N, C-alpha and C. Protein backbone atom coordinates (compact mmCIF):
# COMPACT_ATOMS: atom_id res chain seq x y z
N MET A 1 -27.39 -61.76 47.07
CA MET A 1 -26.46 -61.59 48.12
C MET A 1 -25.69 -60.24 47.90
N SER A 2 -25.72 -59.39 48.90
CA SER A 2 -25.03 -58.09 48.72
C SER A 2 -23.80 -58.06 49.57
N GLY A 3 -22.86 -57.19 49.22
CA GLY A 3 -21.59 -57.07 49.94
C GLY A 3 -21.75 -56.29 51.26
N HIS A 4 -20.91 -56.59 52.16
CA HIS A 4 -20.93 -55.94 53.48
C HIS A 4 -19.56 -55.40 53.81
N GLU A 5 -19.49 -54.38 54.65
CA GLU A 5 -18.21 -53.90 55.15
C GLU A 5 -17.83 -54.85 56.25
N VAL A 6 -16.57 -55.36 56.18
CA VAL A 6 -16.15 -56.28 57.14
C VAL A 6 -14.78 -55.85 57.70
N SER A 7 -14.61 -55.95 59.02
CA SER A 7 -13.38 -55.59 59.65
C SER A 7 -12.52 -56.96 59.80
N ILE A 8 -11.27 -56.88 59.36
CA ILE A 8 -10.41 -58.03 59.37
C ILE A 8 -9.34 -57.82 60.42
N PHE A 9 -9.16 -58.83 61.28
CA PHE A 9 -8.09 -58.73 62.26
C PHE A 9 -7.16 -59.90 62.07
N GLU A 10 -5.87 -59.65 62.27
CA GLU A 10 -4.85 -60.67 62.06
C GLU A 10 -3.91 -60.56 63.25
N PRO A 11 -3.60 -61.69 63.88
CA PRO A 11 -2.62 -61.71 65.00
C PRO A 11 -1.30 -61.07 64.52
N TYR A 12 -0.73 -60.31 65.38
CA TYR A 12 0.54 -59.55 65.06
C TYR A 12 1.66 -60.51 65.11
N ARG A 13 2.57 -60.39 64.16
CA ARG A 13 3.82 -61.20 64.09
C ARG A 13 4.95 -60.41 64.74
N PHE A 14 5.22 -60.65 66.02
CA PHE A 14 6.24 -59.91 66.77
C PHE A 14 7.65 -60.22 66.17
N VAL A 15 8.56 -59.25 66.36
CA VAL A 15 9.92 -59.37 66.06
C VAL A 15 10.75 -59.05 67.26
N LEU A 16 11.71 -59.96 67.53
CA LEU A 16 12.53 -59.78 68.74
C LEU A 16 13.30 -58.43 68.66
N GLY A 17 13.21 -57.67 69.73
CA GLY A 17 13.89 -56.36 69.82
C GLY A 17 13.02 -55.18 69.22
N GLU A 18 11.89 -55.53 68.71
CA GLU A 18 11.02 -54.53 68.11
C GLU A 18 10.47 -53.54 69.14
N LYS A 19 10.41 -52.32 68.79
CA LYS A 19 9.82 -51.27 69.67
C LYS A 19 8.37 -51.07 69.26
N ILE A 20 7.44 -51.20 70.25
CA ILE A 20 6.04 -51.04 69.95
C ILE A 20 5.39 -50.07 70.94
N THR A 21 4.26 -49.48 70.49
CA THR A 21 3.43 -48.65 71.29
C THR A 21 2.04 -49.18 71.26
N ILE A 22 1.49 -49.47 72.46
CA ILE A 22 0.08 -49.99 72.60
C ILE A 22 -0.72 -48.74 72.99
N ILE A 23 -1.74 -48.38 72.24
CA ILE A 23 -2.60 -47.27 72.54
C ILE A 23 -3.91 -47.78 73.15
N GLY A 24 -4.13 -47.36 74.31
CA GLY A 24 -5.38 -47.72 75.01
C GLY A 24 -5.26 -49.02 75.77
N GLY A 25 -6.22 -49.20 76.70
CA GLY A 25 -6.31 -50.45 77.51
C GLY A 25 -5.31 -50.49 78.62
N PRO A 26 -5.31 -51.50 79.43
CA PRO A 26 -4.48 -51.57 80.62
C PRO A 26 -2.99 -51.85 80.25
N ARG A 27 -2.69 -52.23 79.05
CA ARG A 27 -1.30 -52.50 78.62
C ARG A 27 -0.72 -51.36 77.82
N ARG A 28 -1.41 -50.24 77.78
CA ARG A 28 -0.94 -49.09 76.94
C ARG A 28 0.44 -48.64 77.39
N GLY A 29 1.18 -48.12 76.35
CA GLY A 29 2.46 -47.57 76.60
C GLY A 29 3.48 -48.09 75.60
N ASP A 30 4.69 -47.76 75.84
CA ASP A 30 5.80 -48.17 74.96
C ASP A 30 6.45 -49.40 75.57
N TRP A 31 6.86 -50.34 74.67
CA TRP A 31 7.41 -51.57 75.07
C TRP A 31 8.44 -52.01 74.04
N GLU A 32 9.37 -52.88 74.53
CA GLU A 32 10.27 -53.52 73.61
C GLU A 32 10.02 -55.05 73.68
N VAL A 33 9.97 -55.73 72.60
CA VAL A 33 9.68 -57.16 72.56
C VAL A 33 10.97 -57.86 72.90
N THR A 34 10.96 -58.68 74.04
CA THR A 34 12.13 -59.42 74.50
C THR A 34 12.01 -60.93 74.32
N GLY A 35 10.79 -61.36 74.02
CA GLY A 35 10.63 -62.80 73.73
C GLY A 35 9.17 -63.06 73.38
N PHE A 36 8.92 -64.19 72.78
CA PHE A 36 7.58 -64.63 72.43
C PHE A 36 7.50 -66.04 71.93
N ASN A 37 6.36 -66.64 72.05
CA ASN A 37 6.07 -67.98 71.47
C ASN A 37 4.71 -67.98 70.94
N GLU A 38 4.12 -69.03 70.58
CA GLU A 38 2.77 -69.02 69.98
C GLU A 38 1.69 -68.61 70.98
N LYS A 39 1.92 -68.67 72.28
CA LYS A 39 0.93 -68.30 73.26
C LYS A 39 1.25 -67.08 74.13
N LYS A 40 2.50 -66.75 74.28
CA LYS A 40 2.84 -65.62 75.19
C LYS A 40 3.79 -64.60 74.41
N VAL A 41 3.74 -63.41 75.00
CA VAL A 41 4.74 -62.42 74.47
C VAL A 41 5.35 -61.76 75.77
N GLN A 42 6.66 -61.56 75.67
CA GLN A 42 7.35 -60.94 76.80
C GLN A 42 7.84 -59.51 76.33
N LEU A 43 7.49 -58.54 77.12
CA LEU A 43 7.78 -57.14 76.83
C LEU A 43 8.56 -56.47 77.95
N ARG A 44 9.38 -55.50 77.60
CA ARG A 44 10.12 -54.72 78.60
C ARG A 44 9.76 -53.23 78.44
N CYS A 45 9.53 -52.54 79.53
CA CYS A 45 9.35 -51.12 79.54
C CYS A 45 10.61 -50.45 79.37
N PRO A 46 10.82 -49.54 78.38
CA PRO A 46 12.08 -48.82 78.22
C PRO A 46 12.45 -47.80 79.29
N VAL A 47 11.49 -47.45 80.12
CA VAL A 47 11.76 -46.41 81.14
C VAL A 47 12.11 -47.13 82.47
N THR A 48 11.26 -48.06 82.92
CA THR A 48 11.44 -48.70 84.18
C THR A 48 12.24 -50.05 84.06
N GLN A 49 12.41 -50.58 82.83
CA GLN A 49 13.04 -51.83 82.54
C GLN A 49 12.26 -53.00 83.10
N LYS A 50 11.00 -52.77 83.59
CA LYS A 50 10.13 -53.84 84.07
C LYS A 50 9.81 -54.78 82.89
N VAL A 51 9.97 -56.11 83.16
CA VAL A 51 9.65 -57.09 82.12
C VAL A 51 8.30 -57.79 82.52
N VAL A 52 7.39 -57.89 81.55
CA VAL A 52 6.14 -58.58 81.78
C VAL A 52 5.93 -59.63 80.70
N GLU A 53 5.13 -60.61 81.09
CA GLU A 53 4.73 -61.68 80.09
C GLU A 53 3.26 -61.80 80.07
N TRP A 54 2.64 -61.70 78.92
CA TRP A 54 1.22 -61.78 78.79
C TRP A 54 0.82 -62.78 77.69
N ASP A 55 -0.42 -63.24 77.77
CA ASP A 55 -0.93 -64.01 76.62
C ASP A 55 -0.90 -63.06 75.41
N ARG A 56 -0.68 -63.66 74.20
CA ARG A 56 -0.60 -62.79 73.01
C ARG A 56 -1.97 -62.11 72.83
N PHE A 57 -1.96 -60.83 72.59
CA PHE A 57 -3.17 -60.06 72.50
C PHE A 57 -3.14 -59.01 71.39
N CYS A 58 -2.07 -58.72 70.84
CA CYS A 58 -1.93 -57.65 69.87
C CYS A 58 -2.41 -58.01 68.47
N PHE A 59 -2.99 -57.02 67.83
CA PHE A 59 -3.41 -57.09 66.40
C PHE A 59 -2.86 -55.93 65.72
N PHE A 60 -2.34 -56.14 64.51
CA PHE A 60 -1.74 -54.99 63.76
C PHE A 60 -2.77 -53.97 63.36
N VAL A 61 -2.44 -52.71 63.56
CA VAL A 61 -3.27 -51.58 63.15
C VAL A 61 -2.57 -50.74 62.09
N LYS A 62 -1.35 -50.23 62.46
CA LYS A 62 -0.60 -49.44 61.46
C LYS A 62 0.77 -49.32 61.92
N LYS A 63 1.72 -48.98 61.06
CA LYS A 63 3.12 -48.84 61.37
C LYS A 63 3.50 -47.42 61.06
N LEU A 64 4.14 -46.69 62.02
CA LEU A 64 4.56 -45.33 61.83
C LEU A 64 6.08 -45.24 61.80
N THR A 65 6.62 -44.29 61.10
CA THR A 65 8.06 -44.09 61.09
C THR A 65 8.43 -42.77 61.65
N GLU A 66 9.68 -42.56 62.05
CA GLU A 66 10.19 -41.33 62.62
C GLU A 66 9.30 -40.81 63.80
N VAL A 67 8.96 -41.74 64.72
CA VAL A 67 8.15 -41.45 65.91
C VAL A 67 9.10 -41.40 67.10
N PRO A 68 9.05 -40.38 67.95
CA PRO A 68 9.85 -40.45 69.16
C PRO A 68 9.43 -41.65 70.05
N TRP A 69 10.41 -42.41 70.53
CA TRP A 69 10.13 -43.56 71.31
C TRP A 69 11.22 -43.77 72.35
N PRO A 70 10.89 -43.96 73.65
CA PRO A 70 9.53 -43.91 74.19
C PRO A 70 8.99 -42.54 74.19
N GLY A 71 7.69 -42.42 74.13
CA GLY A 71 7.03 -41.14 74.10
C GLY A 71 5.71 -41.28 74.76
N HIS A 72 4.94 -40.18 74.83
CA HIS A 72 3.64 -40.13 75.42
C HIS A 72 2.61 -40.28 74.24
N HIS A 73 1.84 -41.30 74.35
CA HIS A 73 0.85 -41.60 73.27
C HIS A 73 -0.54 -41.68 73.85
N SER A 74 -1.51 -40.99 73.22
CA SER A 74 -2.87 -41.17 73.62
C SER A 74 -3.77 -40.95 72.41
N GLU A 75 -4.92 -41.46 72.45
CA GLU A 75 -5.81 -41.29 71.27
C GLU A 75 -7.20 -41.07 71.72
């Protein structure tokens, strides 16, 4: 049996009031966490103040510090 490279994904543990940036996909952009439970997450756009609620979908990739927020992010 030989070893393999494996990608590990873990559901993200949201924190109330946390500022997040989603890169890519239809939900991309800057958001503030305004609520969550085991099935849903509620986010607010810091520019338009629009609040949305979606099924939980985020997985942790990396955490950056000293990043302008809200800002323009693309990858």
